[in-house]
Amino acid sequence: MINVYEDILANPTYFKELTVKETLLVNYQCPQMEKWVDLYSHFNHIIYTISGKKLLNTPAKSYTVTDGSLIFLKKGAIRQGRFFDSEWVVIVFCVPDSYLQQSLKEYRSQVPIHSIPAPEQDAVIEISTTETIHSYFYSLLPYFTQKPPPPENLLELKCRELIFNIFSDPANAGLLSYLISVSDCSKPPLPEIMEANYTYNLSLEEFAKIGHRSLTAFKNEFSATFHMSPGKWLLQKRLKYAQMLLSISQKNINEIVYESGFESPTHFSRVFKLKFGVAPLQYRKQLSHAEHA
């Protein structure tokens, strides 16, 4: 899969970018050509849409981001859909956990943390916007073309301005709650990473990268946590998810293969039959006959 953060760094002539320590600020027009594409990043992304629109699908929900929308995208994978009648132009903050944790420590005494809700579980968290927020993002646009580029200490102040505006808005309590829940974790919990991303065809190396672990540490911790290999766990979870899609949706086999994280229809059909005793389409027919019996 494409690592968005690494792809941005590898293509500086296409993506207009500014760097503040580990945090990356990017202004770009999305180059996506396919109708759907799976992407991932080991950084969190704060994404403001200047113009255009995109579909972002998670296993739980579908989001349409349009002009003026602001979202927090957790590190991990996302399924992105293109609208062919409009280009998606965005400003993106690629933000490591460490930056958010440090910011929360600095601002915690100044933000509303009483009676906050349970942490948001989905990969996408919608952020409330105000005229101040909209003006803030448009004020950034000249920096991406300024020669020489703005000094890093100025950009750092701009980053802090955004974070404080988001934290101080009571309407963003869901995001604040999520950040508080992970503020004391040196690494994201492995179960959380796996549950959020198993429907994507990520390699073990990519899962480890999202989880901020070496591949060896990832495998060892996975075995201690789940008492089975990552491959076996992923197969069981994906088969269960595919079984659910066969049962409650009219999606065709290729769609189910893609949305469940399998490598190919042939591989999916083989392992599904081994698990359930019948081929996927036969399983669906049996369910249909049982319902109409």
C-alpha atoms as a PDB file:
ATOM      1  CA  MET A   1       0.000   0.000   0.000  1.00  0.00           C
ATOM      2  CA  ILE A   2       1.011   3.628  -0.483  1.00  0.00           C
ATOM      3  CA  ASN A   3       2.376   5.353   2.627  1.00  0.00           C
ATOM      4  CA  VAL A   4       1.052   8.898   2.169  1.00  0.00           C
ATOM      5  CA  TYR A   5       3.704  10.526   4.362  1.00  0.00           C
ATOM      6  CA  GLU A   6       6.588   8.807   2.579  1.00  0.00           C
ATOM      7  CA  ASP A   7       5.051   9.502  -0.834  1.00  0.00           C
ATOM      8  CA  ILE A   8       4.911  13.225  -0.022  1.00  0.00           C
ATOM      9  CA  LEU A   9       8.570  13.257   1.038  1.00  0.00           C
ATOM     10  CA  ALA A  10       9.575  11.367  -2.093  1.00  0.00           C
ATOM     11  CA  ASN A  11       7.875  13.844  -4.445  1.00  0.00           C
ATOM     12  CA  PRO A  12       8.814  17.368  -3.331  1.00  0.00           C
ATOM     13  CA  THR A  13       8.328  18.787  -6.822  1.00  0.00           C
ATOM     14  CA  TYR A  14       4.667  17.778  -6.803  1.00  0.00           C
ATOM     15  CA  PHE A  15       3.736  18.374  -3.172  1.00  0.00           C
ATOM     16  CA  LYS A  16       4.340  21.859  -1.792  1.00  0.00           C
ATOM     17  CA  GLU A  17       5.667  21.160   1.681  1.00  0.00           C
ATOM     18  CA  LEU A  18       6.996  22.911   4.762  1.00  0.00           C
ATOM     19  CA  THR A  19       8.680  21.177   7.687  1.00  0.00           C
ATOM     20  CA  VAL A  20       8.476  21.959  11.391  1.00  0.00           C
ATOM     21  CA  LYS A  21      10.647  19.448  13.254  1.00  0.00           C
ATOM     22  CA  GLU A  22       8.813  16.142  12.715  1.00  0.00           C
ATOM     23  CA  THR A  23       5.591  17.822  11.604  1.00  0.00           C
ATOM     24  CA  LEU A  24       4.996  18.219   7.872  1.00  0.00           C
ATOM     25  CA  LEU A  25       2.698  20.859   6.340  1.00  0.00           C
ATOM     26  CA  VAL A  26       1.561  20.115   2.801  1.00  0.00           C
ATOM     27  CA  ASN A  27      -0.534  21.880   0.186  1.00  0.00           C
ATOM     28  CA  TYR A  28      -1.458  19.741  -2.790  1.00  0.00           C
ATOM     29  CA  GLN A  29      -3.986  18.783  -5.411  1.00  0.00           C
ATOM     30  CA  CYS A  30      -4.766  15.100  -4.935  1.00  0.00           C
ATOM     31  CA  PRO A  31      -3.204  13.052  -7.790  1.00  0.00           C
ATOM     32  CA  GLN A  32      -5.585  10.079  -7.396  1.00  0.00           C
ATOM     33  CA  MET A  33      -6.635   8.584 -10.753  1.00  0.00           C
ATOM     34  CA  GLU A  34      -8.433   5.416  -9.643  1.00  0.00           C
ATOM     35  CA  LYS A  35     -12.005   5.437  -8.374  1.00  0.00           C
ATOM     36  CA  TRP A  36     -10.867   3.874  -5.079  1.00  0.00           C
ATOM     37  CA  VAL A  37      -7.436   3.626  -3.501  1.00  0.00           C
ATOM     38  CA  ASP A  38      -6.212   2.317  -0.145  1.00  0.00           C
ATOM     39  CA  LEU A  39      -3.679   4.517   1.657  1.00  0.00           C
ATOM     40  CA  TYR A  40      -1.956   4.445   5.025  1.00  0.00           C
ATOM     41  CA  SER A  41       0.349   6.534   7.183  1.00  0.00           C
ATOM     42  CA  HIS A  42       2.223   6.077  10.451  1.00  0.00           C
ATOM     43  CA  PHE A  43       1.482   9.769  11.217  1.00  0.00           C
ATOM     44  CA  ASN A  44      -1.833  11.370  12.107  1.00  0.00           C
ATOM     45  CA  HIS A  45      -3.210  13.807   9.528  1.00  0.00           C
ATOM     46  CA  ILE A  46      -5.197  17.001  10.059  1.00  0.00           C
ATOM     47  CA  ILE A  47      -6.811  17.714   6.668  1.00  0.00           C
ATOM     48  CA  TYR A  48      -8.505  20.937   5.573  1.00  0.00           C
ATOM     49  CA  THR A  49     -10.292  20.955   2.206  1.00  0.00           C
ATOM     50  CA  ILE A  50      -9.704  24.139   0.221  1.00  0.00           C
ATOM     51  CA  SER A  51     -11.875  22.973  -2.683  1.00  0.00           C
ATOM     52  CA  GLY A  52     -13.315  19.816  -4.199  1.00  0.00           C
ATOM     53  CA  LYS A  53     -14.443  16.714  -2.368  1.00  0.00           C
ATOM     54  CA  LYS A  54     -13.398  13.179  -1.483  1.00  0.00           C
ATOM     55  CA  LEU A  55     -14.996  10.068  -0.041  1.00  0.00           C
ATOM     56  CA  LEU A  56     -13.241   8.496   2.948  1.00  0.00           C
ATOM     57  CA  ASN A  57     -14.464   5.033   3.917  1.00  0.00           C
ATOM     58  CA  THR A  58     -13.731   3.175   7.133  1.00  0.00           C
ATOM     59  CA  PRO A  59     -15.274  -0.170   8.110  1.00  0.00           C
ATOM     60  CA  ALA A  60     -17.683   1.764  10.331  1.00  0.00           C
ATOM     61  CA  LYS A  61     -18.711   4.764   8.253  1.00  0.00           C
ATOM     62  CA  SER A  62     -18.424   6.747   5.025  1.00  0.00           C
ATOM     63  CA  TYR A  63     -17.435  10.420   5.085  1.00  0.00           C
ATOM     64  CA  THR A  64     -17.674  13.033   2.346  1.00  0.00           C
ATOM     65  CA  VAL A  65     -15.205  15.869   2.856  1.00  0.00           C
ATOM     66  CA  THR A  66     -15.993  19.083   0.984  1.00  0.00           C
ATOM     67  CA  ASP A  67     -14.961  22.745   0.816  1.00  0.00           C
ATOM     68  CA  GLY A  68     -14.140  24.053   4.281  1.00  0.00           C
ATOM     69  CA  SER A  69     -14.296  20.703   6.074  1.00  0.00           C
ATOM     70  CA  LEU A  70     -11.651  19.801   8.648  1.00  0.00           C
ATOM     71  CA  ILE A  71     -10.921  16.264   9.842  1.00  0.00           C
ATOM     72  CA  PHE A  72      -8.459  14.437  12.053  1.00  0.00           C
ATOM     73  CA  LEU A  73      -7.332  11.186  10.440  1.00  0.00           C
ATOM     74  CA  LYS A  74      -5.701   8.747  12.841  1.00  0.00           C
ATOM     75  CA  LYS A  75      -2.528   6.937  11.830  1.00  0.00           C
ATOM     76  CA  GLY A  76      -3.447   3.779   9.972  1.00  0.00           C
ATOM     77  CA  ALA A  77      -5.236   2.954   6.733  1.00  0.00           C
ATOM     78  CA  ILE A  78      -8.158   4.546   4.910  1.00  0.00           C
ATOM     79  CA  ARG A  79     -10.115   3.784   1.730  1.00  0.00           C
ATOM     80  CA  GLN A  80     -10.307   6.923  -0.413  1.00  0.00           C
ATOM     81  CA  GLY A  81     -12.824   7.468  -3.214  1.00  0.00           C
ATOM     82  CA  ARG A  82     -12.548  10.010  -5.996  1.00  0.00           C
ATOM     83  CA  PHE A  83     -15.241  12.304  -7.393  1.00  0.00           C
ATOM     84  CA  PHE A  84     -14.372  12.659 -11.070  1.00  0.00           C
ATOM     85  CA  ASP A  85     -16.167  15.990 -11.477  1.00  0.00           C
ATOM     86  CA  SER A  86     -13.900  17.902  -9.090  1.00  0.00           C
ATOM     87  CA  GLU A  87     -10.279  18.063  -7.959  1.00  0.00           C
ATOM     88  CA  TRP A  88      -9.473  17.824  -4.259  1.00  0.00           C
ATOM     89  CA  VAL A  89      -7.188  20.624  -3.062  1.00  0.00           C
ATOM     90  CA  VAL A  90      -6.092  20.414   0.560  1.00  0.00           C
ATOM     91  CA  ILE A  91      -3.773  21.589   3.292  1.00  0.00           C
ATOM     92  CA  VAL A  92      -2.522  18.704   5.412  1.00  0.00           C
ATOM     93  CA  PHE A  93      -0.685  18.607   8.730  1.00  0.00           C
ATOM     94  CA  CYS A  94       1.159  15.281   9.090  1.00  0.00           C
ATOM     95  CA  VAL A  95       1.549  15.086  12.852  1.00  0.00           C
ATOM     96  CA  PRO A  96       3.326  12.430  14.943  1.00  0.00           C
ATOM     97  CA  ASP A  97       1.817  11.246  18.225  1.00  0.00           C
ATOM     98  CA  SER A  98       4.696  12.815  20.119  1.00  0.00           C
ATOM     99  CA  TYR A  99       3.804  16.325  18.910  1.00  0.00           C
ATOM    100  CA  LEU A 100       0.159  15.937  19.923  1.00  0.00           C
ATOM    101  CA  GLN A 101       1.130  14.498  23.301  1.00  0.00           C
ATOM    102  CA  GLN A 102       3.485  17.402  24.003  1.00  0.00           C
ATOM    103  CA  SER A 103       0.870  19.931  22.865  1.00  0.00           C
ATOM    104  CA  LEU A 104      -1.732  18.371  25.138  1.00  0.00           C
ATOM    105  CA  LYS A 105       0.623  18.631  28.106  1.00  0.00           C
ATOM    106  CA  GLU A 106       1.221  22.313  27.374  1.00  0.00           C
ATOM    107  CA  TYR A 107      -2.417  23.261  26.875  1.00  0.00           C
ATOM    108  CA  ARG A 108      -4.198  20.834  29.181  1.00  0.00           C
ATOM    109  CA  SER A 109      -4.726  23.421  31.929  1.00  0.00           C
ATOM    110  CA  GLN A 110      -6.306  25.801  29.400  1.00  0.00           C
ATOM    111  CA  VAL A 111      -8.693  23.496  27.557  1.00  0.00           C
ATOM    112  CA  PRO A 112     -12.175  22.232  28.567  1.00  0.00           C
ATOM    113  CA  ILE A 113     -11.588  18.674  29.773  1.00  0.00           C
ATOM    114  CA  HIS A 114     -14.581  18.322  32.127  1.00  0.00           C
ATOM    115  CA  SER A 115     -17.389  15.951  31.161  1.00  0.00           C
ATOM    116  CA  ILE A 116     -15.739  14.921  27.918  1.00  0.00           C
ATOM    117  CA  PRO A 117     -17.300  11.975  26.046  1.00  0.00           C
ATOM    118  CA  ALA A 118     -15.783   8.555  25.507  1.00  0.00           C
ATOM    119  CA  PRO A 119     -12.876   8.589  23.036  1.00  0.00           C
ATOM    120  CA  GLU A 120     -13.784   8.521  19.355  1.00  0.00           C
ATOM    121  CA  GLN A 121     -13.170   5.017  17.995  1.00  0.00           C
ATOM    122  CA  ASP A 122     -13.350   5.558  14.234  1.00  0.00           C
ATOM    123  CA  ALA A 123     -10.300   6.436  12.135  1.00  0.00           C
ATOM    124  CA  VAL A 124     -11.867   9.745  11.078  1.00  0.00           C
ATOM    125  CA  ILE A 125     -12.808  12.421  13.620  1.00  0.00           C
ATOM    126  CA  GLU A 126     -14.624  15.464  12.270  1.00  0.00           C
ATOM    127  CA  ILE A 127     -13.313  18.765  13.666  1.00  0.00           C
ATOM    128  CA  SER A 128     -15.552  21.747  14.289  1.00  0.00           C
ATOM    129  CA  THR A 129     -14.654  24.833  12.271  1.00  0.00           C
ATOM    130  CA  THR A 130     -15.126  28.566  12.830  1.00  0.00           C
ATOM    131  CA  GLU A 131     -14.392  31.645  10.766  1.00  0.00           C
ATOM    132  CA  THR A 132     -11.097  31.861  12.634  1.00  0.00           C
ATOM    133  CA  ILE A 133     -10.175  28.335  11.501  1.00  0.00           C
ATOM    134  CA  HIS A 134     -11.136  28.990   7.876  1.00  0.00           C
ATOM    135  CA  SER A 135      -9.141  32.241   7.843  1.00  0.00           C
ATOM    136  CA  TYR A 136      -6.204  30.471   9.467  1.00  0.00           C
ATOM    137  CA  PHE A 137      -5.846  27.902   6.662  1.00  0.00           C
ATOM    138  CA  TYR A 138      -6.148  30.462   3.889  1.00  0.00           C
ATOM    139  CA  SER A 139      -3.463  32.520   5.644  1.00  0.00           C
ATOM    140  CA  LEU A 140      -1.104  29.541   5.232  1.00  0.00           C
ATOM    141  CA  LEU A 141      -1.354  29.341   1.446  1.00  0.00           C
ATOM    142  CA  PRO A 142       1.211  32.097   0.663  1.00  0.00           C
ATOM    143  CA  TYR A 143       3.814  30.342   2.828  1.00  0.00           C
ATOM    144  CA  PHE A 144       3.971  27.368   0.437  1.00  0.00           C
ATOM    145  CA  THR A 145       5.220  29.533  -2.448  1.00  0.00           C
ATOM    146  CA  GLN A 146       7.166  32.158  -0.491  1.00  0.00           C
ATOM    147  CA  LYS A 147      10.842  32.570  -1.456  1.00  0.00           C
ATOM    148  CA  PRO A 148      12.808  32.118   0.689  1.00  0.00           C
ATOM    149  CA  PRO A 149      10.516  29.867   2.739  1.00  0.00           C
ATOM    150  CA  PRO A 150       9.322  31.144   6.117  1.00  0.00           C
ATOM    151  CA  PRO A 151      11.582  30.407   9.104  1.00  0.00           C
ATOM    152  CA  GLU A 152      10.819  27.261  11.059  1.00  0.00           C
ATOM    153  CA  ASN A 153      10.113  29.141  14.306  1.00  0.00           C
ATOM    154  CA  LEU A 154       7.310  31.073  12.564  1.00  0.00           C
ATOM    155  CA  LEU A 155       5.819  27.850  11.199  1.00  0.00           C
ATOM    156  CA  GLU A 156       6.002  26.292  14.632  1.00  0.00           C
ATOM    157  CA  LEU A 157       3.973  29.189  16.013  1.00  0.00           C
ATOM    158  CA  LYS A 158       1.406  28.644  13.263  1.00  0.00           C
ATOM    159  CA  CYS A 159       1.178  24.945  14.167  1.00  0.00           C
ATOM    160  CA  ARG A 160       0.668  25.772  17.819  1.00  0.00           C
ATOM    161  CA  GLU A 161      -2.010  28.303  16.884  1.00  0.00           C
ATOM    162  CA  LEU A 162      -4.012  25.631  15.055  1.00  0.00           C
ATOM    163  CA  ILE A 163      -3.672  23.031  17.811  1.00  0.00           C
ATOM    164  CA  PHE A 164      -4.760  25.488  20.499  1.00  0.00           C
ATOM    165  CA  ASN A 165      -7.776  26.659  18.462  1.00  0.00           C
ATOM    166  CA  ILE A 166      -8.870  23.044  18.013  1.00  0.00           C
ATOM    167  CA  PHE A 167      -8.281  22.070  21.646  1.00  0.00           C
ATOM    168  CA  SER A 168     -10.057  25.125  23.067  1.00  0.00           C
ATOM    169  CA  ASP A 169     -13.299  24.588  21.140  1.00  0.00           C
ATOM    170  CA  PRO A 170     -15.796  22.589  23.299  1.00  0.00           C
ATOM    171  CA  ALA A 171     -17.295  21.177  20.092  1.00  0.00           C
ATOM    172  CA  ASN A 172     -14.075  19.159  19.616  1.00  0.00           C
ATOM    173  CA  ALA A 173     -14.443  17.252  22.871  1.00  0.00           C
ATOM    174  CA  GLY A 174     -14.501  13.935  21.006  1.00  0.00           C
ATOM    175  CA  LEU A 175     -11.066  14.551  19.505  1.00  0.00           C
ATOM    176  CA  LEU A 176      -9.717  15.866  22.794  1.00  0.00           C
ATOM    177  CA  SER A 177     -10.991  12.753  24.552  1.00  0.00           C
ATOM    178  CA  TYR A 178      -9.208  10.512  22.049  1.00  0.00           C
ATOM    179  CA  LEU A 179      -5.931  12.419  22.449  1.00  0.00           C
ATOM    180  CA  ILE A 180      -6.146  12.242  26.244  1.00  0.00           C
ATOM    181  CA  SER A 181      -6.706   8.477  26.009  1.00  0.00           C
ATOM    182  CA  VAL A 182      -3.439   8.010  24.116  1.00  0.00           C
ATOM    183  CA  SER A 183      -1.435  10.784  25.772  1.00  0.00           C
ATOM    184  CA  ASP A 184       0.258   8.469  28.253  1.00  0.00           C
ATOM    185  CA  CYS A 185       1.045   5.712  25.744  1.00  0.00           C
ATOM    186  CA  SER A 186       4.562   5.559  24.403  1.00  0.00           C
ATOM    187  CA  LYS A 187       3.236   3.352  21.586  1.00  0.00           C
ATOM    188  CA  PRO A 188      -0.320   2.872  20.282  1.00  0.00           C
ATOM    189  CA  PRO A 189      -1.971  -0.235  21.791  1.00  0.00           C
ATOM    190  CA  LEU A 190      -1.593  -3.194  19.454  1.00  0.00           C
ATOM    191  CA  PRO A 191      -5.240  -4.385  19.704  1.00  0.00           C
ATOM    192  CA  GLU A 192      -6.443  -0.909  18.722  1.00  0.00           C
ATOM    193  CA  ILE A 193      -4.141  -0.822  15.694  1.00  0.00           C
ATOM    194  CA  MET A 194      -5.181  -4.282  14.509  1.00  0.00           C
ATOM    195  CA  GLU A 195      -8.934  -3.843  15.016  1.00  0.00           C
ATOM    196  CA  ALA A 196      -8.898  -0.539  13.134  1.00  0.00           C
ATOM    197  CA  ASN A 197      -6.900  -1.803  10.141  1.00  0.00           C
ATOM    198  CA  TYR A 198      -7.411  -5.537   9.560  1.00  0.00           C
ATOM    199  CA  THR A 199      -9.773  -4.968   6.585  1.00  0.00           C
ATOM    200  CA  TYR A 200      -6.924  -3.389   4.597  1.00  0.00           C
ATOM    201  CA  ASN A 201      -4.340  -5.452   2.728  1.00  0.00           C
ATOM    202  CA  LEU A 202      -1.408  -4.198   4.789  1.00  0.00           C
ATOM    203  CA  SER A 203       1.773  -6.226   5.127  1.00  0.00           C
ATOM    204  CA  LEU A 204       3.102  -7.156   8.572  1.00  0.00           C
ATOM    205  CA  GLU A 205       5.862  -4.587   8.063  1.00  0.00           C
ATOM    206  CA  GLU A 206       3.212  -1.916   7.470  1.00  0.00           C
ATOM    207  CA  PHE A 207       1.219  -2.931  10.548  1.00  0.00           C
ATOM    208  CA  ALA A 208       4.443  -2.720  12.560  1.00  0.00           C
ATOM    209  CA  LYS A 209       5.205   0.747  11.165  1.00  0.00           C
ATOM    210  CA  ILE A 210       1.739   2.061  12.054  1.00  0.00           C
ATOM    211  CA  GLY A 211       2.269   0.651  15.540  1.00  0.00           C
ATOM    212  CA  HIS A 212       5.722   2.299  15.865  1.00  0.00           C
ATOM    213  CA  ARG A 213       7.424  -1.059  16.391  1.00  0.00           C
ATOM    214  CA  SER A 214      10.119  -3.024  14.652  1.00  0.00           C
ATOM    215  CA  LEU A 215       8.849  -6.086  12.800  1.00  0.00           C
ATOM    216  CA  THR A 216      10.431  -8.407  15.387  1.00  0.00           C
ATOM    217  CA  ALA A 217       8.925  -6.491  18.320  1.00  0.00           C
ATOM    218  CA  PHE A 218       5.553  -6.441  16.567  1.00  0.00           C
ATOM    219  CA  LYS A 219       5.527 -10.214  16.052  1.00  0.00           C
ATOM    220  CA  ASN A 220       6.649 -10.941  19.623  1.00  0.00           C
ATOM    221  CA  GLU A 221       4.073  -8.601  21.171  1.00  0.00           C
ATOM    222  CA  PHE A 222       1.357  -9.893  18.860  1.00  0.00           C
ATOM    223  CA  SER A 223       2.000 -13.486  19.915  1.00  0.00           C
ATOM    224  CA  ALA A 224       1.941 -12.519  23.595  1.00  0.00           C
ATOM    225  CA  THR A 225      -1.273 -10.489  23.165  1.00  0.00           C
ATOM    226  CA  PHE A 226      -3.362 -12.687  20.838  1.00  0.00           C
ATOM    227  CA  HIS A 227      -1.752 -16.102  21.432  1.00  0.00           C
ATOM    228  CA  MET A 228      -1.534 -16.819  17.696  1.00  0.00           C
ATOM    229  CA  SER A 229       0.402 -15.613  14.682  1.00  0.00           C
ATOM    230  CA  PRO A 230      -0.558 -12.346  12.951  1.00  0.00           C
ATOM    231  CA  GLY A 231      -1.330 -14.242   9.742  1.00  0.00           C
ATOM    232  CA  LYS A 232      -3.792 -16.589  11.441  1.00  0.00           C
ATOM    233  CA  TRP A 233      -5.489 -13.756  13.340  1.00  0.00           C
ATOM    234  CA  LEU A 234      -5.837 -11.638  10.182  1.00  0.00           C
ATOM    235  CA  LEU A 235      -7.279 -14.558   8.232  1.00  0.00           C
ATOM    236  CA  GLN A 236      -9.894 -15.265  10.906  1.00  0.00           C
ATOM    237  CA  LYS A 237     -10.922 -11.612  11.192  1.00  0.00           C
ATOM    238  CA  ARG A 238     -11.105 -11.077   7.426  1.00  0.00           C
ATOM    239  CA  LEU A 239     -13.113 -14.253   6.869  1.00  0.00           C
ATOM    240  CA  LYS A 240     -15.590 -13.210   9.546  1.00  0.00           C
ATOM    241  CA  TYR A 241     -15.922  -9.761   7.986  1.00  0.00           C
ATOM    242  CA  ALA A 242     -16.364 -11.229   4.494  1.00  0.00           C
ATOM    243  CA  GLN A 243     -18.985 -13.637   5.850  1.00  0.00           C
ATOM    244  CA  MET A 244     -20.869 -10.646   7.259  1.00  0.00           C
ATOM    245  CA  LEU A 245     -20.735  -8.818   3.914  1.00  0.00           C
ATOM    246  CA  LEU A 246     -22.015 -11.904   2.094  1.00  0.00           C
ATOM    247  CA  SER A 247     -24.875 -12.131   4.569  1.00  0.00           C
ATOM    248  CA  ILE A 248     -26.110  -8.533   4.732  1.00  0.00           C
ATOM    249  CA  SER A 249     -24.994  -6.868   1.480  1.00  0.00           C
ATOM    250  CA  GLN A 250     -25.407  -7.341  -2.251  1.00  0.00           C
ATOM    251  CA  LYS A 251     -21.750  -6.595  -2.961  1.00  0.00           C
ATOM    252  CA  ASN A 252     -20.145  -8.819  -5.585  1.00  0.00           C
ATOM    253  CA  ILE A 253     -17.197 -11.084  -4.810  1.00  0.00           C
ATOM    254  CA  ASN A 254     -14.557  -8.670  -6.102  1.00  0.00           C
ATOM    255  CA  GLU A 255     -15.950  -5.898  -3.890  1.00  0.00           C
ATOM    256  CA  ILE A 256     -15.984  -8.195  -0.853  1.00  0.00           C
ATOM    257  CA  VAL A 257     -12.418  -9.337  -1.535  1.00  0.00           C
ATOM    258  CA  TYR A 258     -11.249  -5.722  -1.701  1.00  0.00           C
ATOM    259  CA  GLU A 259     -13.199  -4.509   1.325  1.00  0.00           C
ATOM    260  CA  SER A 260     -12.101  -7.451   3.485  1.00  0.00           C
ATOM    261  CA  GLY A 261      -8.377  -7.092   2.825  1.00  0.00           C
ATOM    262  CA  PHE A 262      -7.778 -10.287   0.817  1.00  0.00           C
ATOM    263  CA  GLU A 263      -5.110 -10.446  -1.866  1.00  0.00           C
ATOM    264  CA  SER A 264      -7.223 -11.901  -4.688  1.00  0.00           C
ATOM    265  CA  PRO A 265     -10.622 -13.521  -5.424  1.00  0.00           C
ATOM    266  CA  THR A 266      -8.900 -16.874  -5.959  1.00  0.00           C
ATOM    267  CA  HIS A 267      -7.218 -16.776  -2.552  1.00  0.00           C
ATOM    268  CA  PHE A 268     -10.411 -15.604  -0.879  1.00  0.00           C
ATOM    269  CA  SER A 269     -12.570 -18.348  -2.434  1.00  0.00           C
ATOM    270  CA  ARG A 270     -10.077 -21.036  -1.439  1.00  0.00           C
ATOM    271  CA  VAL A 271      -9.743 -20.023   2.221  1.00  0.00           C
ATOM    272  CA  PHE A 272     -13.480 -19.297   2.544  1.00  0.00           C
ATOM    273  CA  LYS A 273     -14.353 -22.807   1.344  1.00  0.00           C
ATOM    274  CA  LEU A 274     -11.799 -24.331   3.709  1.00  0.00           C
ATOM    275  CA  LYS A 275     -13.409 -22.430   6.613  1.00  0.00           C
ATOM    276  CA  PHE A 276     -17.115 -22.773   5.803  1.00  0.00           C
ATOM    277  CA  GLY A 277     -17.250 -25.850   3.576  1.00  0.00           C
ATOM    278  CA  VAL A 278     -18.788 -24.056   0.577  1.00  0.00           C
ATOM    279  CA  ALA A 279     -17.713 -21.415  -1.933  1.00  0.00           C
ATOM    280  CA  PRO A 280     -18.704 -17.804  -1.159  1.00  0.00           C
ATOM    281  CA  LEU A 281     -21.505 -17.566  -3.754  1.00  0.00           C
ATOM    282  CA  GLN A 282     -22.896 -20.939  -2.681  1.00  0.00           C
ATOM    283  CA  TYR A 283     -22.875 -19.708   0.917  1.00  0.00           C
ATOM    284  CA  ARG A 284     -24.907 -16.655  -0.117  1.00  0.00           C
ATOM    285  CA  LYS A 285     -27.389 -18.853  -2.041  1.00  0.00           C
ATOM    286  CA  GLN A 286     -27.843 -21.102   0.974  1.00  0.00           C
ATOM    287  CA  LEU A 287     -28.617 -18.093   3.152  1.00  0.00           C
ATOM    288  CA  SER A 288     -31.135 -16.822   0.586  1.00  0.00           C
ATOM    289  CA  HIS A 289     -32.871 -20.198   0.367  1.00  0.00           C
ATOM    290  CA  ALA A 290     -33.039 -20.452   4.162  1.00  0.00           C
ATOM    291  CA  GLU A 291     -34.644 -17.007   4.408  1.00  0.00           C
ATOM    292  CA  HIS A 292     -37.326 -17.885   1.856  1.00  0.00           C
ATOM    293  CA  ALA A 293     -37.990 -21.407   3.094  1.00  0.00           C
END
